Protein backbone atom coordinates (compact mmCIF):
# COMPACT_ATOMS: atom_id res chain seq x y z
CA MET A 1 100.94 5.11 151.41
CA GLN A 2 104.06 4.63 153.48
CA ARG A 3 103.68 2.98 156.92
CA VAL A 4 106.21 4.25 159.46
CA CYS A 5 107.02 2.77 162.85
CA PHE A 6 109.59 4.16 165.26
CA LEU A 7 110.81 3.68 168.83
CA LEU A 8 111.76 6.20 171.50
CA LYS A 9 112.40 5.83 175.23
CA VAL A 10 110.37 7.90 177.69
CA ARG A 11 111.97 8.39 181.09
CA SER A 12 110.15 5.99 183.41
CA ASP A 13 109.85 8.66 186.12
CA ARG A 14 107.91 10.87 183.67
CA ALA A 15 105.73 8.26 181.95
CA ASP A 16 102.55 9.24 183.80
CA GLU A 17 103.01 12.91 182.93
CA TYR A 18 103.77 11.96 179.31
CA ARG A 19 100.48 10.05 179.12
CA GLU A 20 98.65 13.00 180.66
CA ARG A 21 100.14 15.48 178.17
CA HIS A 22 99.07 13.30 175.26
CA GLY A 23 95.52 13.24 176.56
CA HIS A 24 95.48 16.98 175.82
CA VAL A 25 97.50 17.52 172.64
CA TRP A 26 97.03 21.10 171.49
CA ALA A 27 94.45 21.54 168.73
CA ALA A 28 97.00 23.52 166.70
CA MET A 29 99.46 20.61 166.93
CA ARG A 30 96.83 18.10 165.82
CA GLU A 31 95.88 20.36 162.91
CA ALA A 32 99.51 20.83 161.89
CA LEU A 33 100.14 17.07 161.89
CA SER A 34 97.09 16.45 159.70
CA ALA A 35 98.01 19.28 157.31
CA ALA A 36 101.57 17.92 157.05
CA GLY A 37 100.29 14.52 155.94
CA TRP A 38 100.49 12.49 159.16
CA HIS A 39 97.62 9.99 159.08
CA ASN A 40 96.58 7.23 161.50
CA TYR A 41 99.26 8.50 163.88
CA SER A 42 99.36 6.51 167.12
CA LEU A 43 101.68 6.32 170.10
CA PHE A 44 101.88 3.26 172.36
CA LEU A 45 103.70 3.43 175.69
CA ARG A 46 104.93 0.38 177.60
CA GLU A 47 105.25 0.57 181.40
CA ASP A 48 109.06 0.66 181.21
CA GLY A 49 108.94 3.73 178.96
CA LEU A 50 109.35 2.11 175.55
CA LEU A 51 107.37 4.28 173.14
CA VAL A 52 106.21 2.85 169.82
CA GLY A 53 104.96 5.31 167.23
CA TYR A 54 103.07 4.46 164.07
CA LEU A 55 101.82 6.64 161.23
CA GLU A 56 100.90 6.51 157.59
CA THR A 57 101.99 9.16 155.12
CA GLU A 58 102.73 9.65 151.45
CA ASP A 59 106.33 10.68 152.16
CA PHE A 60 107.79 10.57 155.68
CA ASP A 61 110.69 12.91 154.94
CA ALA A 62 108.30 15.48 153.44
CA ALA A 63 105.86 15.07 156.35
CA ARG A 64 108.65 15.66 158.87
CA ALA A 65 109.95 18.65 156.92
CA ALA A 66 106.45 20.15 156.85
CA MET A 67 106.23 19.83 160.64
CA ASP A 68 109.73 21.27 161.07
CA ALA A 69 108.48 24.40 159.31
CA THR A 70 105.75 25.07 161.90
CA ASP A 71 106.05 27.16 165.03
CA VAL A 72 103.65 24.92 166.94
CA ASN A 73 105.92 21.92 166.39
CA ALA A 74 108.97 23.83 167.66
CA ARG A 75 107.05 24.70 170.85
CA TRP A 76 105.75 21.14 171.28
CA GLN A 77 109.18 19.57 170.74
CA ALA A 78 110.75 21.95 173.27
CA GLU A 79 108.15 20.97 175.86
CA MET A 80 108.48 17.24 175.17
CA ALA A 81 112.29 16.96 175.01
CA GLY A 82 112.68 16.47 178.77
CA PHE A 83 110.51 13.35 178.70
CA PHE A 84 112.93 11.28 176.63
CA GLU A 85 116.15 9.36 177.19
CA GLU A 86 119.03 9.21 174.73
CA LEU A 87 118.15 12.15 172.49
CA ASP A 88 121.78 13.32 172.40
CA GLY A 89 120.72 16.94 171.97
CA ARG A 90 118.20 16.23 169.22
CA ALA A 91 114.52 17.15 169.36
CA PRO A 92 112.27 14.11 169.88
CA ASP A 93 110.94 14.23 166.32
CA SER A 94 114.51 14.22 164.97
CA ALA A 95 115.22 11.01 166.92
CA MET A 96 112.34 9.15 165.28
CA LEU A 97 114.26 6.62 163.19
CA PRO A 98 111.90 4.45 161.14
CA LEU A 99 112.09 0.71 161.62
CA THR A 100 112.36 -1.51 158.56
CA GLU A 101 109.09 -3.27 157.78
CA VAL A 102 109.68 -6.99 157.28
CA PHE A 103 106.08 -8.25 157.01
CA HIS A 104 102.63 -6.80 156.29
CA LEU A 105 99.42 -8.78 156.01
CA THR A 106 96.83 -7.14 153.78
């Protein structure tokens, strides 16, 4: 199982709304993530907008490609794009660049 961690930056003026939206993630989006192999997926948001994402999956590239193939993900990404800084025209899920794991205690 591959552990994936990534960082994004939520606009500080939209952090409260971002939290609210994630309290009500669409059932279809949750189902699509699970079907695409996203497990133990968590998002952590610091007060200054730093977003830390974590998930476990067999193959991150395949899991992202599976989500890219869904209509629900396209709709979700379009709605979420305005919440983030420094996307440079990319969808938020395209800007998720995995960090390199340097230590893991089992």
